Structure formats: C-alpha cells, structure tokens
Amino acid sequence: MERDSQLELYGVVADQLKEAHTRVRELQVPEGVRMALSRKLLVITGAAKHDLADAATRLDRLMKDLDEGRFPEGD
C-alpha cells in the first residue's frame, strides 16, 4: 500500500516538474532570473531522487512563488 502511494507521489511530482519547466520557459523575465529558476528546478529534481516528500514541498513553494510573481534575483 505504501509503495502505491509513493508511486502516485512520483507521478504527481513528475507532472508538476513538467508544468514548472514549461512555466519558467514561458516567463517574460531577464535571462538571469530564468537561469536562477532553472537551477532551482534542477535542485528539486535532484532532491526527488533522495527525498520525494521534501522535493514535493520545495516544488509547491516554487510554484506558489511563480503564481505570486516572486522571482529570485538574476546574476
């Protein structure tokens, strides 16, 4: 049973990561901001391999920031 919920969470996180990558790619922001967001997504993707629940939390936070127009500073 636990394995089924873990697989379901993987699917949800994978779908959300795909959506997040699309949203970041389509943002009208300076390239430095886009790169910073892409790095965050790479970190979340890496975290998903080791701690799926933490990655889901981070991804939820990032999506909320995108929804509210809060972006990291670009280099």
N, C-alpha and C. Protein backbone atom coordinates (compact mmCIF):
# COMPACT_ATOMS: atom_id res chain seq x y z
N MET A 1 0.83 -1.19 0.00
CA MET A 1 0.00 0.00 0.00
C MET A 1 0.87 1.26 0.00
N GLU A 2 1.89 1.27 0.85
CA GLU A 2 2.77 2.44 0.93
C GLU A 2 3.49 2.65 -0.41
N ARG A 3 3.88 1.56 -1.04
CA ARG A 3 4.56 1.65 -2.33
C ARG A 3 3.66 2.30 -3.38
N ASP A 4 2.37 1.98 -3.35
CA ASP A 4 1.42 2.59 -4.29
C ASP A 4 1.34 4.10 -4.09
N SER A 5 1.30 4.53 -2.85
CA SER A 5 1.22 5.98 -2.59
C SER A 5 2.52 6.66 -2.99
N GLN A 6 3.65 5.97 -2.82
CA GLN A 6 4.95 6.52 -3.23
C GLN A 6 4.98 6.68 -4.76
N LEU A 7 4.50 5.68 -5.48
CA LEU A 7 4.45 5.76 -6.94
C LEU A 7 3.52 6.87 -7.40
N GLU A 8 2.42 7.02 -6.71
CA GLU A 8 1.47 8.09 -7.04
C GLU A 8 2.12 9.46 -6.83
N LEU A 9 2.85 9.60 -5.72
CA LEU A 9 3.54 10.86 -5.44
C LEU A 9 4.60 11.14 -6.51
N TYR A 10 5.33 10.12 -6.94
CA TYR A 10 6.29 10.29 -8.03
C TYR A 10 5.59 10.85 -9.27
N GLY A 11 4.45 10.30 -9.60
CA GLY A 11 3.70 10.77 -10.76
C GLY A 11 3.27 12.22 -10.63
N VAL A 12 2.79 12.57 -9.46
CA VAL A 12 2.34 13.95 -9.20
C VAL A 12 3.53 14.91 -9.31
N VAL A 13 4.64 14.56 -8.67
CA VAL A 13 5.82 15.43 -8.70
C VAL A 13 6.35 15.54 -10.12
N ALA A 14 6.37 14.45 -10.86
CA ALA A 14 6.84 14.49 -12.25
C ALA A 14 5.97 15.41 -13.09
N ASP A 15 4.66 15.33 -12.94
CA ASP A 15 3.75 16.20 -13.68
C ASP A 15 3.96 17.66 -13.29
N GLN A 16 4.14 17.92 -12.00
CA GLN A 16 4.34 19.29 -11.54
C GLN A 16 5.68 19.84 -12.03
N LEU A 17 6.71 19.01 -12.05
CA LEU A 17 8.01 19.46 -12.57
C LEU A 17 7.90 19.82 -14.04
N LYS A 18 7.18 19.03 -14.79
CA LYS A 18 6.99 19.32 -16.21
C LYS A 18 6.27 20.66 -16.38
N GLU A 19 5.22 20.87 -15.60
CA GLU A 19 4.49 22.13 -15.66
C GLU A 19 5.39 23.30 -15.26
N ALA A 20 6.18 23.12 -14.20
CA ALA A 20 7.06 24.19 -13.73
C ALA A 20 8.09 24.55 -14.79
N HIS A 21 8.68 23.55 -15.44
CA HIS A 21 9.66 23.83 -16.50
C HIS A 21 9.00 24.61 -17.64
N THR A 22 7.79 24.26 -18.00
CA THR A 22 7.08 24.97 -19.06
C THR A 22 6.81 26.41 -18.66
N ARG A 23 6.37 26.61 -17.43
CA ARG A 23 6.07 27.96 -16.96
C ARG A 23 7.32 28.82 -16.92
N VAL A 24 8.42 28.25 -16.44
CA VAL A 24 9.68 29.02 -16.37
C VAL A 24 10.14 29.38 -17.78
N ARG A 25 10.05 28.45 -18.69
CA ARG A 25 10.48 28.69 -20.07
C ARG A 25 9.66 29.82 -20.71
N GLU A 26 8.38 29.93 -20.36
CA GLU A 26 7.49 30.91 -20.98
C GLU A 26 7.49 32.27 -20.28
N LEU A 27 8.14 32.38 -19.13
CA LEU A 27 8.15 33.66 -18.41
C LEU A 27 8.85 34.74 -19.21
N GLN A 28 8.33 35.94 -19.11
CA GLN A 28 8.95 37.11 -19.72
C GLN A 28 9.78 37.81 -18.65
N VAL A 29 10.94 37.24 -18.37
CA VAL A 29 11.84 37.76 -17.34
C VAL A 29 13.26 37.80 -17.91
N PRO A 30 14.15 38.57 -17.28
CA PRO A 30 15.54 38.58 -17.74
C PRO A 30 16.15 37.17 -17.70
N GLU A 31 17.11 36.93 -18.57
CA GLU A 31 17.72 35.60 -18.67
C GLU A 31 18.31 35.13 -17.35
N GLY A 32 18.90 36.05 -16.57
CA GLY A 32 19.47 35.68 -15.27
C GLY A 32 18.43 35.11 -14.31
N VAL A 33 17.24 35.68 -14.34
CA VAL A 33 16.14 35.20 -13.49
C VAL A 33 15.72 33.81 -13.96
N ARG A 34 15.59 33.65 -15.28
CA ARG A 34 15.21 32.35 -15.83
C ARG A 34 16.24 31.28 -15.46
N MET A 35 17.52 31.64 -15.52
CA MET A 35 18.57 30.68 -15.16
C MET A 35 18.49 30.31 -13.68
N ALA A 36 18.22 31.30 -12.82
CA ALA A 36 18.10 31.03 -11.38
C ALA A 36 16.92 30.09 -11.12
N LEU A 37 15.82 30.31 -11.80
CA LEU A 37 14.65 29.42 -11.64
C LEU A 37 14.95 28.02 -12.17
N SER A 38 15.67 27.95 -13.27
CA SER A 38 16.05 26.64 -13.83
C SER A 38 16.95 25.88 -12.87
N ARG A 39 17.87 26.59 -12.22
CA ARG A 39 18.74 25.94 -11.23
C ARG A 39 17.91 25.40 -10.07
N LYS A 40 16.92 26.18 -9.62
CA LYS A 40 16.04 25.70 -8.54
C LYS A 40 15.33 24.42 -8.96
N LEU A 41 14.85 24.39 -10.20
CA LEU A 41 14.17 23.19 -10.68
C LEU A 41 15.12 22.00 -10.75
N LEU A 42 16.37 22.23 -11.14
CA LEU A 42 17.35 21.14 -11.16
C LEU A 42 17.62 20.61 -9.76
N VAL A 43 17.69 21.50 -8.78
CA VAL A 43 17.90 21.08 -7.39
C VAL A 43 16.71 20.26 -6.91
N ILE A 44 15.51 20.71 -7.23
CA ILE A 44 14.31 19.97 -6.83
C ILE A 44 14.27 18.60 -7.49
N THR A 45 14.63 18.54 -8.76
CA THR A 45 14.67 17.27 -9.48
C THR A 45 15.67 16.32 -8.83
N GLY A 46 16.84 16.82 -8.47
CA GLY A 46 17.84 16.00 -7.79
C GLY A 46 17.35 15.54 -6.43
N ALA A 47 16.68 16.43 -5.71
CA ALA A 47 16.17 16.08 -4.38
C ALA A 47 15.12 14.97 -4.47
N ALA A 48 14.36 14.96 -5.57
CA ALA A 48 13.31 13.95 -5.72
C ALA A 48 13.87 12.54 -5.75
N LYS A 49 15.12 12.40 -6.14
CA LYS A 49 15.74 11.08 -6.19
C LYS A 49 16.06 10.54 -4.80
N HIS A 50 16.16 11.44 -3.82
CA HIS A 50 16.58 11.03 -2.48
C HIS A 50 15.50 11.25 -1.42
N ASP A 51 14.70 12.29 -1.60
CA ASP A 51 13.67 12.61 -0.61
C ASP A 51 12.48 13.21 -1.34
N LEU A 52 11.60 12.36 -1.79
CA LEU A 52 10.48 12.76 -2.62
C LEU A 52 9.56 13.75 -1.91
N ALA A 53 9.30 13.52 -0.65
CA ALA A 53 8.40 14.40 0.10
C ALA A 53 8.99 15.81 0.19
N ASP A 54 10.29 15.92 0.46
CA ASP A 54 10.95 17.23 0.52
C ASP A 54 10.90 17.90 -0.85
N ALA A 55 11.14 17.15 -1.91
CA ALA A 55 11.09 17.71 -3.25
C ALA A 55 9.69 18.24 -3.57
N ALA A 56 8.67 17.51 -3.17
CA ALA A 56 7.29 17.94 -3.40
C ALA A 56 7.01 19.25 -2.65
N THR A 57 7.50 19.35 -1.43
CA THR A 57 7.33 20.58 -0.65
C THR A 57 8.04 21.75 -1.31
N ARG A 58 9.28 21.53 -1.74
CA ARG A 58 10.04 22.59 -2.42
C ARG A 58 9.35 23.02 -3.70
N LEU A 59 8.85 22.05 -4.44
CA LEU A 59 8.19 22.35 -5.71
C LEU A 59 6.90 23.14 -5.47
N ASP A 60 6.14 22.76 -4.46
CA ASP A 60 4.92 23.51 -4.12
C ASP A 60 5.26 24.96 -3.79
N ARG A 61 6.34 25.15 -3.03
CA ARG A 61 6.78 26.51 -2.66
C ARG A 61 7.17 27.31 -3.90
N LEU A 62 7.92 26.67 -4.81
CA LEU A 62 8.35 27.35 -6.04
C LEU A 62 7.14 27.73 -6.89
N MET A 63 6.19 26.81 -7.03
CA MET A 63 5.00 27.10 -7.84
C MET A 63 4.20 28.25 -7.22
N LYS A 64 4.11 28.28 -5.90
CA LYS A 64 3.41 29.38 -5.24
C LYS A 64 4.13 30.70 -5.51
N ASP A 65 5.45 30.69 -5.44
CA ASP A 65 6.22 31.90 -5.74
C ASP A 65 5.97 32.35 -7.17
N LEU A 66 5.94 31.41 -8.13
CA LEU A 66 5.65 31.76 -9.52
C LEU A 66 4.25 32.35 -9.64
N ASP A 67 3.28 31.75 -8.97
CA ASP A 67 1.90 32.24 -9.01
C ASP A 67 1.81 33.67 -8.49
N GLU A 68 2.60 33.98 -7.47
CA GLU A 68 2.54 35.29 -6.82
C GLU A 68 3.54 36.28 -7.41
N GLY A 69 4.27 35.85 -8.45
CA GLY A 69 5.20 36.76 -9.11
C GLY A 69 6.48 37.05 -8.34
N ARG A 70 6.83 36.15 -7.43
CA ARG A 70 8.08 36.31 -6.67
C ARG A 70 9.17 35.50 -7.37
N PHE A 71 10.15 36.21 -7.88
CA PHE A 71 11.23 35.57 -8.62
C PHE A 71 12.56 35.85 -7.95
N PRO A 72 13.52 34.93 -8.06
CA PRO A 72 14.86 35.17 -7.49
C PRO A 72 15.57 36.26 -8.28
N GLU A 73 16.57 36.84 -7.67
CA GLU A 73 17.39 37.82 -8.35
C GLU A 73 18.25 37.12 -9.38
N GLY A 74 18.36 37.70 -10.56
CA GLY A 74 19.24 37.14 -11.59
C GLY A 74 20.66 37.56 -11.37
N ASP A 75 21.60 36.78 -11.90
CA ASP A 75 23.02 37.10 -11.75
C ASP A 75 23.42 38.19 -12.72
